[in-house]
Amino acid sequence: MLLFSQARVAISPATTTVASAPKRALTEADAVDIWIARWLRTRRKDLLIRYGCDPRRLYEIWEEKRFPGSRARALELFRARHPGLIERVDYGLHRRIVRRPPPELQPDLFGAN
């Protein structure tokens, strides 16, 4: 009996690469689909592979800096396609988490008083 832990399979590097979409500019239809995918909890990594874009482009959509109004259109489509999930989803915008402390929390340590 062969156990899975004892089986050794050589995987070539060519078979481990994931095919990604060609680099192209995102459209408004893509933005609507990205909103719906967010509400369906699709992983960000999967969206990056699907659309072949930089992660910053996703956040621009989720903050409505690009394609303003796409969230409202996506919400209409989401309600029509997934009526059972309406009460379970947070429809809010992406909130940026600032990693630097605000300057007013750090008094002037080395300056003249």
PDB file of N, CA and C in Angstrom:
ATOM      1  N   MET A   1       0.844  -1.180   0.000  1.00  0.00           N
ATOM      2  CA  MET A   1       0.000   0.000   0.000  1.00  0.00           C
ATOM      3  C   MET A   1       0.884   1.236   0.000  1.00  0.00           C
ATOM      4  N   LEU A   2       0.667   2.105  -0.938  1.00  0.00           N
ATOM      5  CA  LEU A   2       1.463   3.306  -1.087  1.00  0.00           C
ATOM      6  C   LEU A   2       0.772   4.460  -0.374  1.00  0.00           C
ATOM      7  N   LEU A   3       1.458   5.077   0.556  1.00  0.00           N
ATOM      8  CA  LEU A   3       0.902   6.236   1.264  1.00  0.00           C
ATOM      9  C   LEU A   3       1.230   7.507   0.498  1.00  0.00           C
ATOM     10  N   PHE A   4       0.341   8.480   0.609  1.00  0.00           N
ATOM     11  CA  PHE A   4       0.556   9.731  -0.111  1.00  0.00           C
ATOM     12  C   PHE A   4       1.809  10.454   0.370  1.00  0.00           C
ATOM     13  N   SER A   5       2.131  10.331   1.641  1.00  0.00           N
ATOM     14  CA  SER A   5       3.308  11.022   2.161  1.00  0.00           C
ATOM     15  C   SER A   5       4.598  10.409   1.629  1.00  0.00           C
ATOM     16  N   GLN A   6       4.534   9.145   1.183  1.00  0.00           N
ATOM     17  CA  GLN A   6       5.724   8.486   0.672  1.00  0.00           C
ATOM     18  C   GLN A   6       5.890   8.662  -0.829  1.00  0.00           C
ATOM     19  N   ALA A   7       4.847   9.066  -1.497  1.00  0.00           N
ATOM     20  CA  ALA A   7       4.924   9.222  -2.947  1.00  0.00           C
ATOM     21  C   ALA A   7       5.660  10.510  -3.288  1.00  0.00           C
ATOM     22  N   ARG A   8       6.561  10.411  -4.193  1.00  0.00           N
ATOM     23  CA  ARG A   8       7.331  11.576  -4.638  1.00  0.00           C
ATOM     24  C   ARG A   8       7.020  11.820  -6.109  1.00  0.00           C
ATOM     25  N   VAL A   9       6.560  13.026  -6.409  1.00  0.00           N
ATOM     26  CA  VAL A   9       6.238  13.376  -7.780  1.00  0.00           C
ATOM     27  C   VAL A   9       7.059  14.600  -8.145  1.00  0.00           C
ATOM     28  N   ALA A  10       7.782  14.498  -9.214  1.00  0.00           N
ATOM     29  CA  ALA A  10       8.579  15.632  -9.673  1.00  0.00           C
ATOM     30  C   ALA A  10       7.697  16.551 -10.503  1.00  0.00           C
ATOM     31  N   ILE A  11       7.645  17.791 -10.090  1.00  0.00           N
ATOM     32  CA  ILE A  11       6.853  18.778 -10.819  1.00  0.00           C
ATOM     33  C   ILE A  11       7.815  19.768 -11.466  1.00  0.00           C
ATOM     34  N   SER A  12       7.698  19.882 -12.750  1.00  0.00           N
ATOM     35  CA  SER A  12       8.578  20.815 -13.441  1.00  0.00           C
ATOM     36  C   SER A  12       8.089  22.244 -13.219  1.00  0.00           C
ATOM     37  N   PRO A  13       8.984  23.236 -13.231  1.00  0.00           N
ATOM     38  CA  PRO A  13       8.574  24.625 -13.024  1.00  0.00           C
ATOM     39  C   PRO A  13       7.562  25.114 -14.054  1.00  0.00           C
ATOM     40  N   ALA A  14       7.566  24.542 -15.232  1.00  0.00           N
ATOM     41  CA  ALA A  14       6.634  24.980 -16.274  1.00  0.00           C
ATOM     42  C   ALA A  14       5.185  24.638 -15.917  1.00  0.00           C
ATOM     43  N   THR A  15       4.982  23.552 -15.156  1.00  0.00           N
ATOM     44  CA  THR A  15       3.622  23.157 -14.814  1.00  0.00           C
ATOM     45  C   THR A  15       3.087  23.887 -13.593  1.00  0.00           C
ATOM     46  N   THR A  16       3.951  24.571 -12.831  1.00  0.00           N
ATOM     47  CA  THR A  16       3.493  25.252 -11.621  1.00  0.00           C
ATOM     48  C   THR A  16       3.120  26.700 -11.861  1.00  0.00           C
ATOM     49  N   THR A  17       3.422  27.236 -13.017  1.00  0.00           N
ATOM     50  CA  THR A  17       3.072  28.633 -13.275  1.00  0.00           C
ATOM     51  C   THR A  17       1.592  28.739 -13.581  1.00  0.00           C
ATOM     52  N   VAL A  18       1.016  29.821 -13.148  1.00  0.00           N
ATOM     53  CA  VAL A  18      -0.404  30.073 -13.368  1.00  0.00           C
ATOM     54  C   VAL A  18      -0.546  31.032 -14.538  1.00  0.00           C
ATOM     55  N   ALA A  19      -1.380  30.677 -15.476  1.00  0.00           N
ATOM     56  CA  ALA A  19      -1.596  31.544 -16.628  1.00  0.00           C
ATOM     57  C   ALA A  19      -2.404  32.751 -16.181  1.00  0.00           C
ATOM     58  N   SER A  20      -1.911  33.931 -16.491  1.00  0.00           N
ATOM     59  CA  SER A  20      -2.635  35.146 -16.128  1.00  0.00           C
ATOM     60  C   SER A  20      -3.125  35.837 -17.389  1.00  0.00           C
ATOM     61  N   ALA A  21      -4.084  36.706 -17.187  1.00  0.00           N
ATOM     62  CA  ALA A  21      -4.641  37.442 -18.317  1.00  0.00           C
ATOM     63  C   ALA A  21      -3.598  38.423 -18.839  1.00  0.00           C
ATOM     64  N   PRO A  22      -3.651  38.736 -20.107  1.00  0.00           N
ATOM     65  CA  PRO A  22      -2.705  39.711 -20.638  1.00  0.00           C
ATOM     66  C   PRO A  22      -2.966  41.081 -20.027  1.00  0.00           C
ATOM     67  N   LYS A  23      -1.910  41.871 -19.909  1.00  0.00           N
ATOM     68  CA  LYS A  23      -2.025  43.211 -19.339  1.00  0.00           C
ATOM     69  C   LYS A  23      -2.878  44.078 -20.261  1.00  0.00           C
ATOM     70  N   ARG A  24      -3.911  44.692 -19.680  1.00  0.00           N
ATOM     71  CA  ARG A  24      -4.764  45.599 -20.443  1.00  0.00           C
ATOM     72  C   ARG A  24      -5.394  46.574 -19.471  1.00  0.00           C
ATOM     73  N   ALA A  25      -5.932  47.639 -20.004  1.00  0.00           N
ATOM     74  CA  ALA A  25      -6.592  48.637 -19.159  1.00  0.00           C
ATOM     75  C   ALA A  25      -7.951  48.101 -18.706  1.00  0.00           C
ATOM     76  N   LEU A  26      -8.294  48.376 -17.453  1.00  0.00           N
ATOM     77  CA  LEU A  26      -9.586  47.946 -16.936  1.00  0.00           C
ATOM     78  C   LEU A  26     -10.696  48.825 -17.490  1.00  0.00           C
ATOM     79  N   THR A  27     -11.848  48.234 -17.736  1.00  0.00           N
ATOM     80  CA  THR A  27     -13.001  48.973 -18.241  1.00  0.00           C
ATOM     81  C   THR A  27     -14.024  49.124 -17.125  1.00  0.00           C
ATOM     82  N   GLU A  28     -15.072  49.870 -17.406  1.00  0.00           N
ATOM     83  CA  GLU A  28     -16.123  50.048 -16.416  1.00  0.00           C
ATOM     84  C   GLU A  28     -16.851  48.728 -16.144  1.00  0.00           C
ATOM     85  N   ALA A  29     -17.011  47.903 -17.162  1.00  0.00           N
ATOM     86  CA  ALA A  29     -17.621  46.581 -16.961  1.00  0.00           C
ATOM     87  C   ALA A  29     -16.754  45.721 -16.051  1.00  0.00           C
ATOM     88  N   ASP A  30     -15.427  45.825 -16.210  1.00  0.00           N
ATOM     89  CA  ASP A  30     -14.519  45.112 -15.308  1.00  0.00           C
ATOM     90  C   ASP A  30     -14.678  45.613 -13.880  1.00  0.00           C
ATOM     91  N   ALA A  31     -14.838  46.917 -13.719  1.00  0.00           N
ATOM     92  CA  ALA A  31     -14.997  47.499 -12.387  1.00  0.00           C
ATOM     93  C   ALA A  31     -16.254  46.969 -11.707  1.00  0.00           C
ATOM     94  N   VAL A  32     -17.336  46.841 -12.453  1.00  0.00           N
ATOM     95  CA  VAL A  32     -18.577  46.292 -11.902  1.00  0.00           C
ATOM     96  C   VAL A  32     -18.353  44.839 -11.495  1.00  0.00           C
ATOM     97  N   ASP A  33     -17.683  44.073 -12.337  1.00  0.00           N
ATOM     98  CA  ASP A  33     -17.402  42.674 -12.013  1.00  0.00           C
ATOM     99  C   ASP A  33     -16.473  42.553 -10.806  1.00  0.00           C
ATOM    100  N   ILE A  34     -15.533  43.472 -10.663  1.00  0.00           N
ATOM    101  CA  ILE A  34     -14.614  43.453  -9.524  1.00  0.00           C
ATOM    102  C   ILE A  34     -15.363  43.751  -8.228  1.00  0.00           C
ATOM    103  N   TRP A  35     -16.319  44.679  -8.281  1.00  0.00           N
ATOM    104  CA  TRP A  35     -17.149  44.943  -7.095  1.00  0.00           C
ATOM    105  C   TRP A  35     -17.937  43.695  -6.701  1.00  0.00           C
ATOM    106  N   ILE A  36     -18.557  43.048  -7.665  1.00  0.00           N
ATOM    107  CA  ILE A  36     -19.358  41.861  -7.371  1.00  0.00           C
ATOM    108  C   ILE A  36     -18.464  40.746  -6.831  1.00  0.00           C
ATOM    109  N   ALA A  37     -17.280  40.594  -7.399  1.00  0.00           N
ATOM    110  CA  ALA A  37     -16.351  39.575  -6.912  1.00  0.00           C
ATOM    111  C   ALA A  37     -15.931  39.869  -5.475  1.00  0.00           C
ATOM    112  N   ARG A  38     -15.754  41.137  -5.140  1.00  0.00           N
ATOM    113  CA  ARG A  38     -15.411  41.498  -3.761  1.00  0.00           C
ATOM    114  C   ARG A  38     -16.522  41.075  -2.808  1.00  0.00           C
ATOM    115  N   TRP A  39     -17.763  41.338  -3.183  1.00  0.00           N
ATOM    116  CA  TRP A  39     -18.894  40.988  -2.325  1.00  0.00           C
ATOM    117  C   TRP A  39     -19.094  39.477  -2.226  1.00  0.00           C
ATOM    118  N   LEU A  40     -18.648  38.750  -3.240  1.00  0.00           N
ATOM    119  CA  LEU A  40     -18.712  37.291  -3.203  1.00  0.00           C
ATOM    120  C   LEU A  40     -17.474  36.688  -2.542  1.00  0.00           C
ATOM    121  N   ARG A  41     -16.612  37.544  -2.011  1.00  0.00           N
ATOM    122  CA  ARG A  41     -15.393  37.159  -1.285  1.00  0.00           C
ATOM    123  C   ARG A  41     -14.388  36.411  -2.155  1.00  0.00           C
ATOM    124  N   THR A  42     -14.261  36.836  -3.388  1.00  0.00           N
ATOM    125  CA  THR A  42     -13.219  36.294  -4.257  1.00  0.00           C
ATOM    126  C   THR A  42     -11.880  36.847  -3.787  1.00  0.00           C
ATOM    127  N   ARG A  43     -10.885  35.994  -3.713  1.00  0.00           N
ATOM    128  CA  ARG A  43      -9.578  36.436  -3.226  1.00  0.00           C
ATOM    129  C   ARG A  43      -8.974  37.483  -4.151  1.00  0.00           C
ATOM    130  N   ARG A  44      -8.269  38.428  -3.540  1.00  0.00           N
ATOM    131  CA  ARG A  44      -7.618  39.490  -4.311  1.00  0.00           C
ATOM    132  C   ARG A  44      -6.617  38.892  -5.293  1.00  0.00           C
ATOM    133  N   LYS A  45      -5.907  37.868  -4.881  1.00  0.00           N
ATOM    134  CA  LYS A  45      -4.925  37.214  -5.752  1.00  0.00           C
ATOM    135  C   LYS A  45      -5.587  36.665  -7.007  1.00  0.00           C
ATOM    136  N   ASP A  46      -6.768  36.078  -6.850  1.00  0.00           N
ATOM    137  CA  ASP A  46      -7.488  35.541  -8.003  1.00  0.00           C
ATOM    138  C   ASP A  46      -7.939  36.653  -8.941  1.00  0.00           C
ATOM    139  N   LEU A  47      -8.340  37.788  -8.382  1.00  0.00           N
ATOM    140  CA  LEU A  47      -8.729  38.920  -9.227  1.00  0.00           C
ATOM    141  C   LEU A  47      -7.537  39.464 -10.001  1.00  0.00           C
ATOM    142  N   LEU A  48      -6.386  39.510  -9.348  1.00  0.00           N
ATOM    143  CA  LEU A  48      -5.180  39.995 -10.030  1.00  0.00           C
ATOM    144  C   LEU A  48      -4.800  39.086 -11.186  1.00  0.00           C
ATOM    145  N   ILE A  49      -4.959  37.786 -10.990  1.00  0.00           N
ATOM    146  CA  ILE A  49      -4.661  36.844 -12.071  1.00  0.00           C
ATOM    147  C   ILE A  49      -5.693  36.973 -13.186  1.00  0.00           C
ATOM    148  N   ARG A  50      -6.960  37.108 -12.820  1.00  0.00           N
ATOM    149  CA  ARG A  50      -8.040  37.188 -13.810  1.00  0.00           C
ATOM    150  C   ARG A  50      -7.906  38.423 -14.700  1.00  0.00           C
ATOM    151  N   TYR A  51      -7.610  39.576 -14.089  1.00  0.00           N
ATOM    152  CA  TYR A  51      -7.582  40.819 -14.863  1.00  0.00           C
ATOM    153  C   TYR A  51      -6.178  41.244 -15.264  1.00  0.00           C
ATOM    154  N   GLY A  52      -5.152  40.597 -14.742  1.00  0.00           N
ATOM    155  CA  GLY A  52      -3.779  40.914 -15.132  1.00  0.00           C
ATOM    156  C   GLY A  52      -3.405  42.354 -14.862  1.00  0.00           C
ATOM    157  N   CYS A  53      -3.794  42.860 -13.685  1.00  0.00           N
ATOM    158  CA  CYS A  53      -3.532  44.268 -13.378  1.00  0.00           C
ATOM    159  C   CYS A  53      -2.731  44.389 -12.088  1.00  0.00           C
ATOM    160  N   ASP A  54      -2.284  45.591 -11.831  1.00  0.00           N
ATOM    161  CA  ASP A  54      -1.580  45.919 -10.605  1.00  0.00           C
ATOM    162  C   ASP A  54      -2.585  45.981  -9.448  1.00  0.00           C
ATOM    163  N   PRO A  55      -2.211  45.551  -8.244  1.00  0.00           N
ATOM    164  CA  PRO A  55      -3.163  45.593  -7.121  1.00  0.00           C
ATOM    165  C   PRO A  55      -3.698  46.983  -6.824  1.00  0.00           C
ATOM    166  N   ARG A  56      -2.917  48.005  -7.126  1.00  0.00           N
ATOM    167  CA  ARG A  56      -3.386  49.380  -6.870  1.00  0.00           C
ATOM    168  C   ARG A  56      -4.611  49.722  -7.700  1.00  0.00           C
ATOM    169  N   ARG A  57      -4.744  49.121  -8.871  1.00  0.00           N
ATOM    170  CA  ARG A  57      -5.927  49.393  -9.697  1.00  0.00           C
ATOM    171  C   ARG A  57      -7.197  48.878  -9.017  1.00  0.00           C
ATOM    172  N   LEU A  58      -7.101  47.727  -8.324  1.00  0.00           N
ATOM    173  CA  LEU A  58      -8.267  47.213  -7.600  1.00  0.00           C
ATOM    174  C   LEU A  58      -8.675  48.167  -6.487  1.00  0.00           C
ATOM    175  N   TYR A  59      -7.690  48.661  -5.749  1.00  0.00           N
ATOM    176  CA  TYR A  59      -8.000  49.566  -4.647  1.00  0.00           C
ATOM    177  C   TYR A  59      -8.541  50.898  -5.143  1.00  0.00           C
ATOM    178  N   GLU A  60      -8.084  51.339  -6.310  1.00  0.00           N
ATOM    179  CA  GLU A  60      -8.648  52.558  -6.896  1.00  0.00           C
ATOM    180  C   GLU A  60     -10.127  52.363  -7.212  1.00  0.00           C
ATOM    181  N   ILE A  61     -10.484  51.183  -7.661  1.00  0.00           N
ATOM    182  CA  ILE A  61     -11.896  50.887  -7.934  1.00  0.00           C
ATOM    183  C   ILE A  61     -12.666  50.817  -6.625  1.00  0.00           C
ATOM    184  N   TRP A  62     -12.120  50.125  -5.619  1.00  0.00           N
ATOM    185  CA  TRP A  62     -12.816  49.943  -4.349  1.00  0.00           C
ATOM    186  C   TRP A  62     -12.911  51.232  -3.538  1.00  0.00           C
ATOM    187  N   GLU A  63     -12.063  52.206  -3.828  1.00  0.00           N
ATOM    188  CA  GLU A  63     -12.159  53.516  -3.176  1.00  0.00           C
ATOM    189  C   GLU A  63     -12.939  54.498  -4.046  1.00  0.00           C
ATOM    190  N   GLU A  64     -13.397  54.058  -5.196  1.00  0.00           N
ATOM    191  CA  GLU A  64     -14.121  54.832  -6.204  1.00  0.00           C
ATOM    192  C   GLU A  64     -13.338  56.041  -6.709  1.00  0.00           C
ATOM    193  N   LYS A  65     -12.024  55.898  -6.796  1.00  0.00           N
ATOM    194  CA  LYS A  65     -11.204  56.924  -7.442  1.00  0.00           C
ATOM    195  C   LYS A  65     -11.271  56.747  -8.956  1.00  0.00           C
ATOM    196  N   ARG A  66     -11.354  55.502  -9.404  1.00  0.00           N
ATOM    197  CA  ARG A  66     -11.566  55.188 -10.824  1.00  0.00           C
ATOM    198  C   ARG A  66     -12.969  54.632 -10.965  1.00  0.00           C
ATOM    199  N   PHE A  67     -13.597  54.957 -12.044  1.00  0.00           N
ATOM    200  CA  PHE A  67     -14.947  54.501 -12.371  1.00  0.00           C
ATOM    201  C   PHE A  67     -15.956  54.820 -11.264  1.00  0.00           C
ATOM    202  N   PRO A  68     -16.105  56.101 -10.925  1.00  0.00           N
ATOM    203  CA  PRO A  68     -17.121  56.444  -9.931  1.00  0.00           C
ATOM    204  C   PRO A  68     -18.502  56.051 -10.445  1.00  0.00           C
ATOM    205  N   GLY A  69     -19.313  55.536  -9.562  1.00  0.00           N
ATOM    206  CA  GLY A  69     -20.642  55.082  -9.943  1.00  0.00           C
ATOM    207  C   GLY A  69     -20.705  53.608 -10.287  1.00  0.00           C
ATOM    208  N   SER A  70     -19.557  52.962 -10.435  1.00  0.00           N
ATOM    209  CA  SER A  70     -19.562  51.530 -10.762  1.00  0.00           C
ATOM    210  C   SER A  70     -20.091  50.708  -9.592  1.00  0.00           C
ATOM    211  N   ARG A  71     -19.889  51.183  -8.379  1.00  0.00           N
ATOM    212  CA  ARG A  71     -20.388  50.470  -7.201  1.00  0.00           C
ATOM    213  C   ARG A  71     -21.911  50.417  -7.199  1.00  0.00           C
ATOM    214  N   ALA A  72     -22.564  51.518  -7.555  1.00  0.00           N
ATOM    215  CA  ALA A  72     -24.031  51.553  -7.592  1.00  0.00           C
ATOM    216  C   ALA A  72     -24.570  50.603  -8.666  1.00  0.00           C
ATOM    217  N   ARG A  73     -23.928  50.583  -9.834  1.00  0.00           N
ATOM    218  CA  ARG A  73     -24.355  49.664 -10.900  1.00  0.00           C
ATOM    219  C   ARG A  73     -24.130  48.210 -10.496  1.00  0.00           C
ATOM    220  N   ALA A  74     -22.995  47.963  -9.818  1.00  0.00           N
ATOM    221  CA  ALA A  74     -22.702  46.605  -9.367  1.00  0.00           C
ATOM    222  C   ALA A  74     -23.702  46.170  -8.298  1.00  0.00           C
ATOM    223  N   LEU A  75     -24.119  47.093  -7.467  1.00  0.00           N
ATOM    224  CA  LEU A  75     -25.090  46.774  -6.420  1.00  0.00           C
ATOM    225  C   LEU A  75     -26.431  46.359  -7.015  1.00  0.00           C
ATOM    226  N   GLU A  76     -26.855  47.045  -8.068  1.00  0.00           N
ATOM    227  CA  GLU A  76     -28.103  46.667  -8.751  1.00  0.00           C
ATOM    228  C   GLU A  76     -27.996  45.252  -9.334  1.00  0.00           C
ATOM    229  N   LEU A  77     -26.891  44.978 -10.009  1.00  0.00           N
ATOM    230  CA  LEU A  77     -26.684  43.648 -10.599  1.00  0.00           C
ATOM    231  C   LEU A  77     -26.579  42.573  -9.521  1.00  0.00           C
ATOM    232  N   PHE A  78     -25.879  42.893  -8.431  1.00  0.00           N
ATOM    233  CA  PHE A  78     -25.704  41.922  -7.352  1.00  0.00           C
ATOM    234  C   PHE A  78     -27.046  41.559  -6.732  1.00  0.00           C
ATOM    235  N   ARG A  79     -27.892  42.555  -6.510  1.00  0.00           N
ATOM    236  CA  ARG A  79     -29.208  42.293  -5.932  1.00  0.00           C
ATOM    237  C   ARG A  79     -30.069  41.442  -6.861  1.00  0.00           C
ATOM    238  N   ALA A  80     -29.911  41.627  -8.170  1.00  0.00           N
ATOM    239  CA  ALA A  80     -30.690  40.832  -9.126  1.00  0.00           C
ATOM    240  C   ALA A  80     -30.153  39.400  -9.224  1.00  0.00           C
ATOM    241  N   ARG A  81     -28.830  39.245  -9.202  1.00  0.00           N
ATOM    242  CA  ARG A  81     -28.225  37.923  -9.384  1.00  0.00           C
ATOM    243  C   ARG A  81     -28.199  37.081  -8.109  1.00  0.00           C
ATOM    244  N   HIS A  82     -28.019  37.730  -6.958  1.00  0.00           N
ATOM    245  CA  HIS A  82     -27.822  37.006  -5.699  1.00  0.00           C
ATOM    246  C   HIS A  82     -28.765  37.538  -4.615  1.00  0.00           C
ATOM    247  N   PRO A  83     -30.064  37.348  -4.765  1.00  0.00           N
ATOM    248  CA  PRO A  83     -30.995  37.906  -3.777  1.00  0.00           C
ATOM    249  C   PRO A  83     -30.850  37.297  -2.390  1.00  0.00           C
ATOM    250  N   GLY A  84     -30.343  36.097  -2.290  1.00  0.00           N
ATOM    251  CA  GLY A  84     -30.182  35.458  -0.989  1.00  0.00           C
ATOM    252  C   GLY A  84     -29.010  35.987  -0.180  1.00  0.00           C
ATOM    253  N   LEU A  85     -28.104  36.720  -0.812  1.00  0.00           N
ATOM    254  CA  LEU A  85     -26.916  37.225  -0.123  1.00  0.00           C
ATOM    255  C   LEU A  85     -27.019  38.700   0.252  1.00  0.00           C
ATOM    256  N   ILE A  86     -28.129  39.335  -0.042  1.00  0.00           N
ATOM    257  CA  ILE A  86     -28.253  40.778   0.155  1.00  0.00           C
ATOM    258  C   ILE A  86     -28.003  41.179   1.603  1.00  0.00           C
ATOM    259  N   GLU A  87     -28.523  40.426   2.549  1.00  0.00           N
ATOM    260  CA  GLU A  87     -28.394  40.777   3.963  1.00  0.00           C
ATOM    261  C   GLU A  87     -27.034  40.414   4.550  1.00  0.00           C
ATOM    262  N   ARG A  88     -26.235  39.631   3.851  1.00  0.00           N
ATOM    263  CA  ARG A  88     -24.979  39.120   4.409  1.00  0.00           C
ATOM    264  C   ARG A  88     -23.736  39.869   3.959  1.00  0.00           C
ATOM    265  N   VAL A  89     -23.870  40.871   3.117  1.00  0.00           N
ATOM    266  CA  VAL A  89     -22.716  41.500   2.479  1.00  0.00           C
ATOM    267  C   VAL A  89     -22.525  42.918   3.001  1.00  0.00           C
ATOM    268  N   ASP A  90     -21.257  43.288   3.211  1.00  0.00           N
ATOM    269  CA  ASP A  90     -20.902  44.664   3.546  1.00  0.00           C
ATOM    270  C   ASP A  90     -20.622  45.385   2.231  1.00  0.00           C
ATOM    271  N   TYR A  91     -21.432  46.376   1.921  1.00  0.00           N
ATOM    272  CA  TYR A  91     -21.315  47.080   0.642  1.00  0.00           C
ATOM    273  C   TYR A  91     -20.438  48.321   0.730  1.00  0.00           C
ATOM    274  N   GLY A  92     -19.726  48.513   1.819  1.00  0.00           N
ATOM    275  CA  GLY A  92     -18.936  49.717   2.021  1.00  0.00           C
ATOM    276  C   GLY A  92     -17.718  49.795   1.117  1.00  0.00           C
ATOM    277  N   LEU A  93     -17.164  50.999   1.070  1.00  0.00           N
ATOM    278  CA  LEU A  93     -15.943  51.237   0.315  1.00  0.00           C
ATOM    279  C   LEU A  93     -14.755  50.646   1.063  1.00  0.00           C
ATOM    280  N   HIS A  94     -13.663  50.478   0.351  1.00  0.00           N
ATOM    281  CA  HIS A  94     -12.422  50.047   0.985  1.00  0.00           C
ATOM    282  C   HIS A  94     -11.929  51.173   1.887  1.00  0.00           C
ATOM    283  N   ARG A  95     -11.523  50.818   3.102  1.00  0.00           N
ATOM    284  CA  ARG A  95     -10.969  51.811   4.023  1.00  0.00           C
ATOM    285  C   ARG A  95      -9.478  51.580   4.131  1.00  0.00           C
ATOM    286  N   ARG A  96      -8.731  52.590   3.803  1.00  0.00           N
ATOM    287  CA  ARG A  96      -7.279  52.496   3.848  1.00  0.00           C
ATOM    288  C   ARG A  96      -6.824  52.520   5.306  1.00  0.00           C
ATOM    289  N   ILE A  97      -5.913  51.618   5.679  1.00  0.00           N
ATOM    290  CA  ILE A  97      -5.337  51.588   7.016  1.00  0.00           C
ATOM    291  C   ILE A  97      -3.985  52.281   6.938  1.00  0.00           C
ATOM    292  N   VAL A  98      -3.872  53.394   7.634  1.00  0.00           N
ATOM    293  CA  VAL A  98      -2.638  54.173   7.614  1.00  0.00           C
ATOM    294  C   VAL A  98      -1.651  53.508   8.557  1.00  0.00           C
ATOM    295  N   ARG A  99      -0.467  53.234   8.083  1.00  0.00           N
ATOM    296  CA  ARG A  99       0.526  52.536   8.879  1.00  0.00           C
ATOM    297  C   ARG A  99       1.441  53.492   9.637  1.00  0.00           C
ATOM    298  N   ARG A 100       1.491  54.752   9.238  1.00  0.00           N
ATOM    299  CA  ARG A 100       2.321  55.728   9.933  1.00  0.00           C
ATOM    300  C   ARG A 100       1.506  56.392  11.035  1.00  0.00           C
ATOM    301  N   PRO A 101       2.105  56.588  12.228  1.00  0.00           N
ATOM    302  CA  PRO A 101       1.354  57.284  13.271  1.00  0.00           C
ATOM    303  C   PRO A 101       1.192  58.754  12.902  1.00  0.00           C
ATOM    304  N   PRO A 102       0.098  59.354  13.311  1.00  0.00           N
ATOM    305  CA  PRO A 102      -0.087  60.775  13.024  1.00  0.00           C
ATOM    306  C   PRO A 102       1.018  61.611  13.679  1.00  0.00           C
ATOM    307  N   PRO A 103       1.476  62.659  13.025  1.00  0.00           N
ATOM    308  CA  PRO A 103       2.592  63.445  13.567  1.00  0.00           C
ATOM    309  C   PRO A 103       2.255  64.114  14.902  1.00  0.00           C
ATOM    310  N   GLU A 104       0.989  64.380  15.172  1.00  0.00           N
ATOM    311  CA  GLU A 104       0.652  65.037  16.435  1.00  0.00           C
ATOM    312  C   GLU A 104       0.805  64.105  17.639  1.00  0.00           C
ATOM    313  N   LEU A 105       0.928  62.804  17.409  1.00  0.00           N
ATOM    314  CA  LEU A 105       1.155  61.881  18.514  1.00  0.00           C
ATOM    315  C   LEU A 105       2.610  61.839  18.938  1.00  0.00           C
ATOM    316  N   GLN A 106       3.495  62.280  18.096  1.00  0.00           N
ATOM    317  CA  GLN A 106       4.929  62.284  18.406  1.00  0.00           C
ATOM    318  C   GLN A 106       5.378  63.724  18.579  1.00  0.00           C
ATOM    319  N   PRO A 107       5.598  64.180  19.795  1.00  0.00           N
ATOM    320  CA  PRO A 107       6.051  65.553  19.970  1.00  0.00           C
ATOM    321  C   PRO A 107       7.449  65.738  19.402  1.00  0.00           C
ATOM    322  N   ASP A 108       7.809  66.945  19.220  1.00  0.00           N
ATOM    323  CA  ASP A 108       9.114  67.294  18.653  1.00  0.00           C
ATOM    324  C   ASP A 108      10.206  66.860  19.611  1.00  0.00           C
ATOM    325  N   LEU A 109      10.873  65.718  19.343  1.00  0.00           N
ATOM    326  CA  LEU A 109      11.873  65.188  20.240  1.00  0.00           C
ATOM    327  C   LEU A 109      13.205  65.927  20.160  1.00  0.00           C
ATOM    328  N   PHE A 110      13.614  66.245  18.961  1.00  0.00           N
ATOM    329  CA  PHE A 110      14.964  66.765  18.779  1.00  0.00           C
ATOM    330  C   PHE A 110      14.984  68.253  18.427  1.00  0.00           C
ATOM    331  N   GLY A 111      13.864  68.851  18.302  1.00  0.00           N
ATOM    332  CA  GLY A 111      13.794  70.270  17.957  1.00  0.00           C
ATOM    333  C   GLY A 111      13.877  71.138  19.207  1.00  0.00           C
ATOM    334  N   ALA A 112      14.015  72.379  18.970  1.00  0.00           N
ATOM    335  CA  ALA A 112      14.070  73.337  20.081  1.00  0.00           C
ATOM    336  C   ALA A 112      12.669  73.530  20.640  1.00  0.00           C
ATOM    337  N   ASN A 113      12.562  73.652  21.928  1.00  0.00           N
ATOM    338  CA  ASN A 113      11.245  73.841  22.569  1.00  0.00           C
ATOM    339  C   ASN A 113      10.854  75.249  22.535  1.00  0.00           C
TER     340      ASN A 113
END
